[in-house]
PDB file of N, CA and C in Angstrom:
ATOM      1  N   UNK A   1     -10.425 -28.487  13.944  1.00  0.00           N
ATOM      2  CA  UNK A   1      -9.377 -28.500  12.631  1.00  0.00           C
ATOM      3  C   UNK A   1     -10.078 -27.345  11.627  1.00  0.00           C
ATOM      4  N   UNK A   2     -11.358 -27.456  11.247  1.00  0.00           N
ATOM      5  CA  UNK A   2     -12.267 -26.639  10.471  1.00  0.00           C
ATOM      6  C   UNK A   2     -11.796 -24.853  10.776  1.00  0.00           C
ATOM      7  N   UNK A   3     -11.370 -24.861  11.871  1.00  0.00           N
ATOM      8  CA  UNK A   3     -11.234 -23.103  12.980  1.00  0.00           C
ATOM      9  C   UNK A   3     -10.026 -23.082  12.445  1.00  0.00           C
ATOM     10  N   UNK A   4      -8.848 -23.536  12.906  1.00  0.00           N
ATOM     11  CA  UNK A   4      -7.507 -23.702  12.483  1.00  0.00           C
ATOM     12  C   UNK A   4      -7.493 -23.061  10.924  1.00  0.00           C
ATOM     13  N   UNK A   5      -8.184 -23.607  10.293  1.00  0.00           N
ATOM     14  CA  UNK A   5      -7.728 -24.002   8.745  1.00  0.00           C
ATOM     15  C   UNK A   5      -8.463 -22.657   8.581  1.00  0.00           C
ATOM     16  N   UNK A   6      -9.406 -22.095   9.037  1.00  0.00           N
ATOM     17  CA  UNK A   6     -10.261 -20.939   8.307  1.00  0.00           C
ATOM     18  C   UNK A   6      -9.290 -19.764   8.919  1.00  0.00           C
ATOM     19  N   UNK A   7      -8.968 -20.119  10.259  1.00  0.00           N
ATOM     20  CA  UNK A   7      -7.875 -18.885  10.572  1.00  0.00           C
ATOM     21  C   UNK A   7      -6.625 -18.642  10.237  1.00  0.00           C
ATOM     22  N   UNK A   8      -6.214 -19.827   9.752  1.00  0.00           N
ATOM     23  CA  UNK A   8      -4.698 -19.584   8.776  1.00  0.00           C
ATOM     24  C   UNK A   8      -5.335 -19.199   7.208  1.00  0.00           C
ATOM     25  N   UNK A   9      -6.481 -19.323   6.610  1.00  0.00           N
ATOM     26  CA  UNK A   9      -6.685 -18.993   5.476  1.00  0.00           C
ATOM     27  C   UNK A   9      -7.142 -17.242   5.581  1.00  0.00           C
ATOM     28  N   UNK A  10      -7.677 -17.080   6.731  1.00  0.00           N
ATOM     29  CA  UNK A  10      -7.923 -15.348   7.081  1.00  0.00           C
ATOM     30  C   UNK A  10      -6.385 -14.621   6.840  1.00  0.00           C
ATOM     31  N   UNK A  11      -5.618 -15.481   7.762  1.00  0.00           N
ATOM     32  CA  UNK A  11      -4.152 -14.734   8.057  1.00  0.00           C
ATOM     33  C   UNK A  11      -3.458 -14.631   6.674  1.00  0.00           C
ATOM     34  N   UNK A  12      -3.827 -15.563   5.643  1.00  0.00           N
ATOM     35  CA  UNK A  12      -3.387 -15.545   4.372  1.00  0.00           C
ATOM     36  C   UNK A  12      -4.110 -14.635   3.762  1.00  0.00           C
ATOM     37  N   UNK A  13      -4.873 -14.196   3.585  1.00  0.00           N
ATOM     38  CA  UNK A  13      -5.868 -12.951   3.148  1.00  0.00           C
ATOM     39  C   UNK A  13      -5.444 -11.533   3.575  1.00  0.00           C
ATOM     40  N   UNK A  14      -5.128 -11.522   4.931  1.00  0.00           N
ATOM     41  CA  UNK A  14      -4.972 -10.374   5.547  1.00  0.00           C
ATOM     42  C   UNK A  14      -3.277 -10.026   5.217  1.00  0.00           C
ATOM     43  N   UNK A  15      -2.494 -11.087   4.778  1.00  0.00           N
ATOM     44  CA  UNK A  15      -1.283 -10.880   4.007  1.00  0.00           C
ATOM     45  C   UNK A  15      -1.411 -10.285   2.675  1.00  0.00           C
ATOM     46  N   UNK A  16      -2.154 -10.950   2.216  1.00  0.00           N
ATOM     47  CA  UNK A  16      -2.473 -10.327   0.662  1.00  0.00           C
ATOM     48  C   UNK A  16      -2.720  -9.078   0.614  1.00  0.00           C
ATOM     49  N   UNK A  17      -3.919  -8.662   1.605  1.00  0.00           N
ATOM     50  CA  UNK A  17      -4.655  -7.013   1.548  1.00  0.00           C
ATOM     51  C   UNK A  17      -3.323  -6.574   2.198  1.00  0.00           C
ATOM     52  N   UNK A  18      -2.318  -6.772   3.334  1.00  0.00           N
ATOM     53  CA  UNK A  18      -1.565  -5.767   3.390  1.00  0.00           C
ATOM     54  C   UNK A  18      -0.302  -5.608   1.912  1.00  0.00           C
ATOM     55  N   UNK A  19       0.081  -6.892   1.423  1.00  0.00           N
ATOM     56  CA  UNK A  19       0.460  -6.559   0.317  1.00  0.00           C
ATOM     57  C   UNK A  19       0.249  -5.819  -0.712  1.00  0.00           C
ATOM     58  N   UNK A  20      -1.339  -5.713  -0.641  1.00  0.00           N
ATOM     59  CA  UNK A  20      -2.092  -4.726  -1.669  1.00  0.00           C
ATOM     60  C   UNK A  20      -1.613  -2.926  -1.283  1.00  0.00           C
ATOM     61  N   UNK A  21      -1.714  -2.840   0.191  1.00  0.00           N
ATOM     62  CA  UNK A  21      -1.446  -1.622   0.410  1.00  0.00           C
ATOM     63  C   UNK A  21      -0.360  -1.356   0.092  1.00  0.00           C
ATOM     64  N   UNK A  22       1.229  -2.358   0.693  1.00  0.00           N
ATOM     65  CA  UNK A  22       2.245  -1.895   0.669  1.00  0.00           C
ATOM     66  C   UNK A  22       2.159  -1.267  -0.980  1.00  0.00           C
ATOM     67  N   UNK A  23       2.440  -2.486  -1.756  1.00  0.00           N
ATOM     68  CA  UNK A  23       2.666  -1.977  -3.432  1.00  0.00           C
ATOM     69  C   UNK A  23       1.334  -1.273  -4.208  1.00  0.00           C
ATOM     70  N   UNK A  24       0.768  -0.588  -3.793  1.00  0.00           N
ATOM     71  CA  UNK A  24      -0.415   0.492  -4.472  1.00  0.00           C
ATOM     72  C   UNK A  24      -0.268   1.417  -3.583  1.00  0.00           C
ATOM     73  N   UNK A  25      -0.023   1.658  -2.424  1.00  0.00           N
ATOM     74  CA  UNK A  25      -0.299   2.632  -1.729  1.00  0.00           C
ATOM     75  C   UNK A  25       1.112   3.183  -1.094  1.00  0.00           C
ATOM     76  N   UNK A  26       2.147   2.481  -1.019  1.00  0.00           N
ATOM     77  CA  UNK A  26       3.396   2.493  -0.188  1.00  0.00           C
ATOM     78  C   UNK A  26       4.795   2.630  -0.720  1.00  0.00           C
ATOM     79  N   UNK A  27       4.286   1.954  -2.104  1.00  0.00           N
ATOM     80  CA  UNK A  27       5.597   1.266  -3.127  1.00  0.00           C
ATOM     81  C   UNK A  27       6.555   2.817  -3.116  1.00  0.00           C
ATOM     82  N   UNK A  28       6.199   3.883  -3.430  1.00  0.00           N
ATOM     83  CA  UNK A  28       6.696   5.034  -3.850  1.00  0.00           C
ATOM     84  C   UNK A  28       6.915   6.073  -2.635  1.00  0.00           C
ATOM     85  N   UNK A  29       7.060   5.689  -1.400  1.00  0.00           N
ATOM     86  CA  UNK A  29       7.185   6.082   0.028  1.00  0.00           C
ATOM     87  C   UNK A  29       8.472   5.754   0.485  1.00  0.00           C
ATOM     88  N   UNK A  30       8.431   6.534   1.689  1.00  0.00           N
ATOM     89  CA  UNK A  30      10.006   6.004   2.189  1.00  0.00           C
ATOM     90  C   UNK A  30       9.862   4.449   3.171  1.00  0.00           C
ATOM     91  N   UNK A  31       8.477   4.334   3.034  1.00  0.00           N
ATOM     92  CA  UNK A  31       8.412   3.086   3.741  1.00  0.00           C
ATOM     93  C   UNK A  31       8.207   1.785   2.794  1.00  0.00           C
ATOM     94  N   UNK A  32       7.984   2.042   1.862  1.00  0.00           N
ATOM     95  CA  UNK A  32       8.042   1.199   0.580  1.00  0.00           C
ATOM     96  C   UNK A  32       9.016   0.817   0.317  1.00  0.00           C
ATOM     97  N   UNK A  33      10.013   1.978   0.273  1.00  0.00           N
ATOM     98  CA  UNK A  33      11.401   1.850  -0.478  1.00  0.00           C
ATOM     99  C   UNK A  33      12.087   1.253   0.836  1.00  0.00           C
ATOM    100  N   UNK A  34      12.035   1.347   1.852  1.00  0.00           N
ATOM    101  CA  UNK A  34      12.839   0.714   2.825  1.00  0.00           C
ATOM    102  C   UNK A  34      12.700  -0.693   2.971  1.00  0.00           C
ATOM    103  N   UNK A  35      11.243  -0.882   2.914  1.00  0.00           N
ATOM    104  CA  UNK A  35      10.635  -2.373   3.069  1.00  0.00           C
ATOM    105  C   UNK A  35      11.559  -3.550   1.534  1.00  0.00           C
ATOM    106  N   UNK A  36      11.425  -2.582   0.304  1.00  0.00           N
ATOM    107  CA  UNK A  36      12.127  -3.438  -1.019  1.00  0.00           C
ATOM    108  C   UNK A  36      13.141  -2.747  -1.355  1.00  0.00           C
ATOM    109  N   UNK A  37      14.047  -2.436  -0.812  1.00  0.00           N
ATOM    110  CA  UNK A  37      15.280  -1.848  -0.413  1.00  0.00           C
ATOM    111  C   UNK A  37      15.208  -0.680  -1.779  1.00  0.00           C
ATOM    112  N   UNK A  38      14.930  -0.210  -2.200  1.00  0.00           N
ATOM    113  CA  UNK A  38      14.703   0.873  -3.556  1.00  0.00           C
ATOM    114  C   UNK A  38      15.225   2.385  -3.159  1.00  0.00           C
ATOM    115  N   UNK A  39      15.874   2.258  -3.852  1.00  0.00           N
ATOM    116  CA  UNK A  39      15.969   4.201  -4.482  1.00  0.00           C
ATOM    117  C   UNK A  39      14.744   4.907  -4.666  1.00  0.00           C
ATOM    118  N   UNK A  40      14.376   6.700  -4.215  1.00  0.00           N
ATOM    119  CA  UNK A  40      13.381   7.251  -4.679  1.00  0.00           C
ATOM    120  C   UNK A  40      12.851   6.727  -6.177  1.00  0.00           C
ATOM    121  N   UNK A  41      13.794   7.238  -6.723  1.00  0.00           N
ATOM    122  CA  UNK A  41      14.066   6.897  -8.504  1.00  0.00           C
ATOM    123  C   UNK A  41      13.645   5.258  -8.850  1.00  0.00           C
ATOM    124  N   UNK A  42      14.101   4.746  -8.294  1.00  0.00           N
ATOM    125  CA  UNK A  42      13.566   3.366  -8.323  1.00  0.00           C
ATOM    126  C   UNK A  42      11.987   3.087  -8.174  1.00  0.00           C
ATOM    127  N   UNK A  43      12.017   3.538  -7.356  1.00  0.00           N
ATOM    128  CA  UNK A  43      10.389   3.068  -6.626  1.00  0.00           C
ATOM    129  C   UNK A  43       9.641   3.759  -7.467  1.00  0.00           C
ATOM    130  N   UNK A  44       9.685   5.132  -7.705  1.00  0.00           N
ATOM    131  CA  UNK A  44       8.696   6.155  -8.797  1.00  0.00           C
ATOM    132  C   UNK A  44       9.009   5.562 -10.032  1.00  0.00           C
ATOM    133  N   UNK A  45       9.946   4.744 -10.375  1.00  0.00           N
ATOM    134  CA  UNK A  45       9.580   4.352 -12.115  1.00  0.00           C
ATOM    135  C   UNK A  45       9.158   2.962 -11.859  1.00  0.00           C
ATOM    136  N   UNK A  46       8.709   2.402 -11.062  1.00  0.00           N
ATOM    137  CA  UNK A  46       8.147   1.127 -10.881  1.00  0.00           C
ATOM    138  C   UNK A  46       6.775   1.292 -10.543  1.00  0.00           C
ATOM    139  N   UNK A  47       6.582   2.232 -10.035  1.00  0.00           N
ATOM    140  CA  UNK A  47       5.211   2.165  -9.019  1.00  0.00           C
ATOM    141  C   UNK A  47       3.939   1.864  -9.774  1.00  0.00           C
ATOM    142  N   UNK A  48       4.143   2.110 -11.363  1.00  0.00           N
ATOM    143  CA  UNK A  48       2.680   1.402 -11.681  1.00  0.00           C
ATOM    144  C   UNK A  48       2.687  -0.221 -11.888  1.00  0.00           C
ATOM    145  N   UNK A  49       3.940  -0.534 -12.006  1.00  0.00           N
ATOM    146  CA  UNK A  49       3.992  -2.023 -12.000  1.00  0.00           C
ATOM    147  C   UNK A  49       3.382  -2.319 -11.155  1.00  0.00           C
ATOM    148  N   UNK A  50       3.883  -1.808  -9.566  1.00  0.00           N
ATOM    149  CA  UNK A  50       3.297  -2.635  -8.203  1.00  0.00           C
ATOM    150  C   UNK A  50       2.597  -2.326  -7.622  1.00  0.00           C
ATOM    151  N   UNK A  51       1.557  -1.171  -8.369  1.00  0.00           N
ATOM    152  CA  UNK A  51       0.186  -1.068  -8.018  1.00  0.00           C
ATOM    153  C   UNK A  51      -0.607  -2.242  -8.828  1.00  0.00           C
ATOM    154  N   UNK A  52      -0.504  -2.506 -10.678  1.00  0.00           N
ATOM    155  CA  UNK A  52      -0.698  -3.272 -10.506  1.00  0.00           C
ATOM    156  C   UNK A  52      -0.568  -4.881  -9.914  1.00  0.00           C
ATOM    157  N   UNK A  53       0.543  -5.314  -9.481  1.00  0.00           N
ATOM    158  CA  UNK A  53       0.836  -6.342  -8.323  1.00  0.00           C
ATOM    159  C   UNK A  53       0.153  -6.533  -7.323  1.00  0.00           C
ATOM    160  N   UNK A  54      -0.409  -5.124  -7.040  1.00  0.00           N
ATOM    161  CA  UNK A  54      -0.936  -5.060  -5.474  1.00  0.00           C
ATOM    162  C   UNK A  54      -2.542  -5.381  -5.753  1.00  0.00           C
ATOM    163  N   UNK A  55      -3.097  -4.955  -6.748  1.00  0.00           N
ATOM    164  CA  UNK A  55      -4.165  -5.287  -7.265  1.00  0.00           C
ATOM    165  C   UNK A  55      -4.449  -6.642  -7.176  1.00  0.00           C
ATOM    166  N   UNK A  56      -3.466  -7.416  -7.961  1.00  0.00           N
ATOM    167  CA  UNK A  56      -3.714  -9.018  -8.098  1.00  0.00           C
ATOM    168  C   UNK A  56      -3.502  -9.279  -6.639  1.00  0.00           C
ATOM    169  N   UNK A  57      -2.788  -9.003  -5.364  1.00  0.00           N
ATOM    170  CA  UNK A  57      -2.652  -9.677  -4.294  1.00  0.00           C
ATOM    171  C   UNK A  57      -3.810  -9.059  -3.587  1.00  0.00           C
ATOM    172  N   UNK A  58      -5.098  -8.087  -4.204  1.00  0.00           N
ATOM    173  CA  UNK A  58      -5.777  -7.903  -3.395  1.00  0.00           C
ATOM    174  C   UNK A  58      -6.929  -8.963  -3.975  1.00  0.00           C
ATOM    175  N   UNK A  59      -7.052  -9.031  -5.426  1.00  0.00           N
ATOM    176  CA  UNK A  59      -7.741 -10.100  -5.565  1.00  0.00           C
ATOM    177  C   UNK A  59      -7.797 -11.565  -5.384  1.00  0.00           C
ATOM    178  N   UNK A  60      -6.631 -11.892  -5.042  1.00  0.00           N
ATOM    179  CA  UNK A  60      -6.280 -13.394  -4.178  1.00  0.00           C
ATOM    180  C   UNK A  60      -6.633 -13.048  -2.598  1.00  0.00           C
ATOM    181  N   UNK A  61      -6.925 -12.143  -1.913  1.00  0.00           N
ATOM    182  CA  UNK A  61      -7.234 -12.067  -0.593  1.00  0.00           C
ATOM    183  C   UNK A  61      -8.749 -11.911  -0.867  1.00  0.00           C
ATOM    184  N   UNK A  62      -9.309 -11.468  -1.666  1.00  0.00           N
ATOM    185  CA  UNK A  62     -10.678 -11.510  -1.682  1.00  0.00           C
ATOM    186  C   UNK A  62     -11.239 -12.888  -2.096  1.00  0.00           C
ATOM    187  N   UNK A  63     -10.766 -13.476  -3.016  1.00  0.00           N
ATOM    188  CA  UNK A  63     -10.974 -14.852  -3.490  1.00  0.00           C
ATOM    189  C   UNK A  63     -11.149 -15.809  -2.060  1.00  0.00           C
ATOM    190  N   UNK A  64     -10.133 -15.616  -0.869  1.00  0.00           N
ATOM    191  CA  UNK A  64      -9.981 -16.603  -0.124  1.00  0.00           C
ATOM    192  C   UNK A  64     -10.988 -16.321   0.646  1.00  0.00           C
ATOM    193  N   UNK A  65     -11.151 -14.809   0.838  1.00  0.00           N
ATOM    194  CA  UNK A  65     -12.354 -14.467   1.824  1.00  0.00           C
ATOM    195  C   UNK A  65     -13.612 -14.922   1.467  1.00  0.00           C
ATOM    196  N   UNK A  66     -14.057 -14.733  -0.185  1.00  0.00           N
ATOM    197  CA  UNK A  66     -15.155 -15.378  -0.884  1.00  0.00           C
ATOM    198  C   UNK A  66     -15.861 -16.607  -0.492  1.00  0.00           C
ATOM    199  N   UNK A  67     -14.366 -17.593  -0.652  1.00  0.00           N
ATOM    200  CA  UNK A  67     -14.647 -18.795  -0.194  1.00  0.00           C
ATOM    201  C   UNK A  67     -14.722 -19.454   1.178  1.00  0.00           C
ATOM    202  N   UNK A  68     -14.152 -18.681   1.861  1.00  0.00           N
ATOM    203  CA  UNK A  68     -14.663 -18.762   3.181  1.00  0.00           C
ATOM    204  C   UNK A  68     -15.756 -18.305   3.358  1.00  0.00           C
ATOM    205  N   UNK A  69     -16.471 -17.144   3.308  1.00  0.00           N
ATOM    206  CA  UNK A  69     -17.699 -16.880   3.593  1.00  0.00           C
ATOM    207  C   UNK A  69     -19.041 -17.904   2.785  1.00  0.00           C
ATOM    208  N   UNK A  70     -18.631 -18.153   1.783  1.00  0.00           N
ATOM    209  CA  UNK A  70     -19.786 -19.269   0.816  1.00  0.00           C
ATOM    210  C   UNK A  70     -19.470 -20.451   1.256  1.00  0.00           C
ATOM    211  N   UNK A  71     -18.143 -20.487   1.473  1.00  0.00           N
ATOM    212  CA  UNK A  71     -18.237 -22.110   2.537  1.00  0.00           C
ATOM    213  C   UNK A  71     -17.677 -22.940   1.438  1.00  0.00           C
ATOM    214  N   UNK A  72     -17.377 -22.635  -0.018  1.00  0.00           N
ATOM    215  CA  UNK A  72     -16.654 -23.343  -0.842  1.00  0.00           C
ATOM    216  C   UNK A  72     -15.590 -23.751  -0.630  1.00  0.00           C
ATOM    217  N   UNK A  73     -15.068 -25.225  -0.157  1.00  0.00           N
ATOM    218  CA  UNK A  73     -13.977 -25.307   0.124  1.00  0.00           C
ATOM    219  C   UNK A  73     -12.811 -25.375  -1.512  1.00  0.00           C
ATOM    220  N   UNK A  74     -13.644 -25.914  -2.667  1.00  0.00           N
ATOM    221  CA  UNK A  74     -12.780 -25.807  -3.656  1.00  0.00           C
ATOM    222  C   UNK A  74     -11.949 -24.533  -4.387  1.00  0.00           C
ATOM    223  N   UNK A  75     -13.110 -23.718  -3.495  1.00  0.00           N
ATOM    224  CA  UNK A  75     -12.748 -22.014  -4.083  1.00  0.00           C
ATOM    225  C   UNK A  75     -11.567 -21.258  -2.909  1.00  0.00           C
ATOM    226  N   UNK A  76     -11.942 -21.696  -1.676  1.00  0.00           N
ATOM    227  CA  UNK A  76     -10.461 -21.602  -0.961  1.00  0.00           C
ATOM    228  C   UNK A  76      -8.939 -22.378  -1.650  1.00  0.00           C
ATOM    229  N   UNK A  77      -9.386 -23.656  -1.755  1.00  0.00           N
ATOM    230  CA  UNK A  77      -8.078 -24.423  -2.384  1.00  0.00           C
ATOM    231  C   UNK A  77      -7.586 -23.607  -3.467  1.00  0.00           C
ATOM    232  N   UNK A  78      -8.291 -23.160  -4.652  1.00  0.00           N
ATOM    233  CA  UNK A  78      -7.973 -22.771  -5.753  1.00  0.00           C
ATOM    234  C   UNK A  78      -6.677 -21.547  -5.128  1.00  0.00           C
ATOM    235  N   UNK A  79      -7.669 -20.974  -4.226  1.00  0.00           N
ATOM    236  CA  UNK A  79      -6.978 -19.573  -4.315  1.00  0.00           C
ATOM    237  C   UNK A  79      -5.689 -19.818  -3.049  1.00  0.00           C
ATOM    238  N   UNK A  80      -5.527 -20.678  -2.686  1.00  0.00           N
ATOM    239  CA  UNK A  80      -4.642 -20.848  -1.848  1.00  0.00           C
ATOM    240  C   UNK A  80      -3.254 -21.525  -2.816  1.00  0.00           C
ATOM    241  N   UNK A  81      -3.752 -22.236  -3.679  1.00  0.00           N
ATOM    242  CA  UNK A  81      -2.512 -22.986  -4.718  1.00  0.00           C
ATOM    243  C   UNK A  81      -1.996 -21.847  -5.153  1.00  0.00           C
ATOM    244  N   UNK A  82      -3.029 -20.592  -5.904  1.00  0.00           N
ATOM    245  CA  UNK A  82      -2.635 -19.716  -6.544  1.00  0.00           C
ATOM    246  C   UNK A  82      -1.654 -18.788  -5.642  1.00  0.00           C
ATOM    247  N   UNK A  83      -1.652 -18.672  -4.392  1.00  0.00           N
ATOM    248  CA  UNK A  83      -0.485 -17.951  -3.404  1.00  0.00           C
ATOM    249  C   UNK A  83       0.319 -18.684  -3.563  1.00  0.00           C
ATOM    250  N   UNK A  84       0.305 -20.174  -3.245  1.00  0.00           N
ATOM    251  CA  UNK A  84       1.540 -20.842  -3.103  1.00  0.00           C
ATOM    252  C   UNK A  84       2.261 -20.637  -4.677  1.00  0.00           C
ATOM    253  N   UNK A  85       1.772 -20.916  -6.080  1.00  0.00           N
ATOM    254  CA  UNK A  85       2.455 -21.076  -7.039  1.00  0.00           C
ATOM    255  C   UNK A  85       3.252 -19.352  -7.158  1.00  0.00           C
ATOM    256  N   UNK A  86       2.397 -18.242  -6.505  1.00  0.00           N
ATOM    257  CA  UNK A  86       3.002 -16.976  -7.247  1.00  0.00           C
ATOM    258  C   UNK A  86       3.906 -16.662  -6.104  1.00  0.00           C
ATOM    259  N   UNK A  87       4.095 -17.259  -4.777  1.00  0.00           N
ATOM    260  CA  UNK A  87       5.077 -17.239  -3.632  1.00  0.00           C
ATOM    261  C   UNK A  87       6.337 -18.328  -4.069  1.00  0.00           C
ATOM    262  N   UNK A  88       5.895 -19.134  -4.948  1.00  0.00           N
ATOM    263  CA  UNK A  88       7.494 -19.959  -5.283  1.00  0.00           C
ATOM    264  C   UNK A  88       7.975 -19.122  -6.163  1.00  0.00           C
ATOM    265  N   UNK A  89       7.153 -18.748  -7.339  1.00  0.00           N
ATOM    266  CA  UNK A  89       7.565 -18.042  -8.440  1.00  0.00           C
ATOM    267  C   UNK A  89       8.435 -16.925  -7.915  1.00  0.00           C
ATOM    268  N   UNK A  90       7.873 -15.934  -7.223  1.00  0.00           N
ATOM    269  CA  UNK A  90       8.296 -14.508  -6.630  1.00  0.00           C
ATOM    270  C   UNK A  90      10.032 -15.336  -6.055  1.00  0.00           C
ATOM    271  N   UNK A  91       9.422 -16.224  -5.183  1.00  0.00           N
ATOM    272  CA  UNK A  91      10.989 -16.674  -4.708  1.00  0.00           C
ATOM    273  C   UNK A  91      11.958 -17.147  -5.487  1.00  0.00           C
ATOM    274  N   UNK A  92      11.718 -17.803  -6.605  1.00  0.00           N
ATOM    275  CA  UNK A  92      12.966 -17.976  -7.671  1.00  0.00           C
ATOM    276  C   UNK A  92      13.283 -16.766  -8.599  1.00  0.00           C
ATOM    277  N   UNK A  93      12.334 -15.582  -9.056  1.00  0.00           N
ATOM    278  CA  UNK A  93      12.587 -14.428  -9.948  1.00  0.00           C
ATOM    279  C   UNK A  93      13.066 -13.506  -8.843  1.00  0.00           C
ATOM    280  N   UNK A  94      12.349 -13.116  -7.821  1.00  0.00           N
ATOM    281  CA  UNK A  94      12.723 -11.903  -7.425  1.00  0.00           C
ATOM    282  C   UNK A  94      13.644 -12.099  -5.683  1.00  0.00           C
ATOM    283  N   UNK A  95      12.868 -12.779  -4.766  1.00  0.00           N
ATOM    284  CA  UNK A  95      13.989 -12.510  -3.258  1.00  0.00           C
ATOM    285  C   UNK A  95      13.057 -13.990  -2.696  1.00  0.00           C
ATOM    286  N   UNK A  96      14.547 -14.800  -2.243  1.00  0.00           N
ATOM    287  CA  UNK A  96      14.116 -16.375  -1.603  1.00  0.00           C
ATOM    288  C   UNK A  96      13.183 -15.895  -0.781  1.00  0.00           C
ATOM    289  N   UNK A  97      13.601 -14.773   0.567  1.00  0.00           N
ATOM    290  CA  UNK A  97      12.196 -14.440   1.188  1.00  0.00           C
ATOM    291  C   UNK A  97      10.797 -14.817   1.253  1.00  0.00           C
ATOM    292  N   UNK A  98      10.431 -14.548   0.037  1.00  0.00           N
ATOM    293  CA  UNK A  98       9.415 -14.650  -0.808  1.00  0.00           C
ATOM    294  C   UNK A  98       8.456 -15.970  -0.650  1.00  0.00           C
ATOM    295  N   UNK A  99       9.303 -16.882  -0.358  1.00  0.00           N
ATOM    296  CA  UNK A  99       9.327 -18.005  -0.006  1.00  0.00           C
ATOM    297  C   UNK A  99       8.446 -18.307   1.337  1.00  0.00           C
ATOM    298  N   UNK A 100       8.944 -17.732   2.064  1.00  0.00           N
ATOM    299  CA  UNK A 100       8.591 -17.791   3.617  1.00  0.00           C
ATOM    300  C   UNK A 100       7.581 -17.021   4.029  1.00  0.00           C
ATOM    301  N   UNK A 101       7.789 -15.890   3.573  1.00  0.00           N
ATOM    302  CA  UNK A 101       6.426 -14.496   3.423  1.00  0.00           C
ATOM    303  C   UNK A 101       5.129 -15.183   2.481  1.00  0.00           C
ATOM    304  N   UNK A 102       4.744 -15.466   1.879  1.00  0.00           N
ATOM    305  CA  UNK A 102       3.651 -15.624   1.276  1.00  0.00           C
ATOM    306  C   UNK A 102       3.495 -17.149   0.846  1.00  0.00           C
ATOM    307  N   UNK A 103       4.639 -18.056   0.854  1.00  0.00           N
ATOM    308  CA  UNK A 103       4.429 -19.095  -0.137  1.00  0.00           C
ATOM    309  C   UNK A 103       4.045 -19.997   1.421  1.00  0.00           C
ATOM    310  N   UNK A 104       4.716 -20.269   2.037  1.00  0.00           N
ATOM    311  CA  UNK A 104       4.716 -20.792   3.593  1.00  0.00           C
ATOM    312  C   UNK A 104       3.526 -20.695   4.284  1.00  0.00           C
ATOM    313  N   UNK A 105       3.186 -19.365   4.324  1.00  0.00           N
ATOM    314  CA  UNK A 105       1.839 -19.322   5.244  1.00  0.00           C
ATOM    315  C   UNK A 105       0.433 -19.731   4.239  1.00  0.00           C
ATOM    316  N   UNK A 106       0.520 -19.792   3.248  1.00  0.00           N
ATOM    317  CA  UNK A 106      -0.607 -20.677   1.991  1.00  0.00           C
ATOM    318  C   UNK A 106      -0.403 -22.052   1.812  1.00  0.00           C
ATOM    319  N   UNK A 107       0.793 -22.217   1.786  1.00  0.00           N
ATOM    320  CA  UNK A 107       1.013 -24.088   2.030  1.00  0.00           C
ATOM    321  C   UNK A 107       0.595 -24.526   3.302  1.00  0.00           C
ATOM    322  N   UNK A 108       0.495 -23.867   4.356  1.00  0.00           N
ATOM    323  CA  UNK A 108       0.034 -24.454   5.886  1.00  0.00           C
ATOM    324  C   UNK A 108      -1.124 -24.253   5.835  1.00  0.00           C
ATOM    325  N   UNK A 109      -1.626 -22.896   5.409  1.00  0.00           N
ATOM    326  CA  UNK A 109      -3.215 -22.669   5.663  1.00  0.00           C
ATOM    327  C   UNK A 109      -3.857 -24.262   4.392  1.00  0.00           C
ATOM    328  N   UNK A 110      -3.176 -24.281   3.481  1.00  0.00           N
ATOM    329  CA  UNK A 110      -4.045 -25.400   2.254  1.00  0.00           C
ATOM    330  C   UNK A 110      -3.931 -26.576   2.722  1.00  0.00           C
ATOM    331  N   UNK A 111      -2.834 -27.369   3.581  1.00  0.00           N
ATOM    332  CA  UNK A 111      -2.677 -28.155   4.066  1.00  0.00           C
ATOM    333  C   UNK A 111      -3.854 -28.383   5.678  1.00  0.00           C
ATOM    334  N   UNK A 112      -3.795 -27.323   6.193  1.00  0.00           N
ATOM    335  CA  UNK A 112      -4.970 -27.789   7.540  1.00  0.00           C
ATOM    336  C   UNK A 112      -6.630 -27.447   6.456  1.00  0.00           C
ATOM    337  N   UNK A 113      -6.206 -26.514   5.623  1.00  0.00           N
ATOM    338  CA  UNK A 113      -8.146 -27.308   4.435  1.00  0.00           C
ATOM    339  C   UNK A 113      -8.250 -28.374   4.182  1.00  0.00           C
ATOM    340  N   UNK A 114      -7.029 -29.026   3.888  1.00  0.00           N
ATOM    341  CA  UNK A 114      -7.463 -30.378   3.114  1.00  0.00           C
ATOM    342  C   UNK A 114      -8.012 -31.453   4.607  1.00  0.00           C
ATOM    343  N   UNK A 115      -6.646 -30.861   5.402  1.00  0.00           N
ATOM    344  CA  UNK A 115      -7.268 -31.920   6.717  1.00  0.00           C
ATOM    345  C   UNK A 115      -8.533 -31.825   7.245  1.00  0.00           C
ATOM    346  N   UNK A 116      -8.654 -30.564   7.272  1.00  0.00           N
ATOM    347  CA  UNK A 116      -9.817 -29.847   7.561  1.00  0.00           C
ATOM    348  C   UNK A 116     -11.563 -30.528   7.140  1.00  0.00           C
ATOM    349  N   UNK A 117     -11.377 -30.929   5.421  1.00  0.00           N
ATOM    350  CA  UNK A 117     -12.030 -31.150   4.433  1.00  0.00           C
ATOM    351  C   UNK A 117     -12.147 -32.878   4.952  1.00  0.00           C
ATOM    352  N   UNK A 118     -11.471 -33.861   5.443  1.00  0.00           N
ATOM    353  CA  UNK A 118     -11.656 -34.973   5.018  1.00  0.00           C
ATOM    354  C   UNK A 118     -11.809 -35.203   6.690  1.00  0.00           C
ATOM    355  N   UNK A 119     -12.396 -34.371   7.998  1.00  0.00           N
ATOM    356  CA  UNK A 119     -13.182 -35.109   8.931  1.00  0.00           C
ATOM    357  C   UNK A 119     -14.650 -35.131   8.658  1.00  0.00           C
TER     358      UNK A 119
END
């Protein structure tokens, strides 16, 4: 169970490093414009905000990996909770699919982490 939990946490961290790359480096690029359904003008106008958002996603990913490497379950749980809250907020305020892409994997990793800690 601990292996599955760690694997799920790593997946969530990789997703957030991917979000970092999209938001910081590909937002104002045809790839980002297509993924986020934006015109070139919209992406240019919001690129600085997206880069800031990408940086925060990188912090979430780094925190998850730090918790795993340091074997600090409480740190992993904290960052997974942050991801779940951010995903729910994003689903309510921006795009409902964020619930599936961001919050659901983190919730699954949180459940697996909690179950692994009980054994």
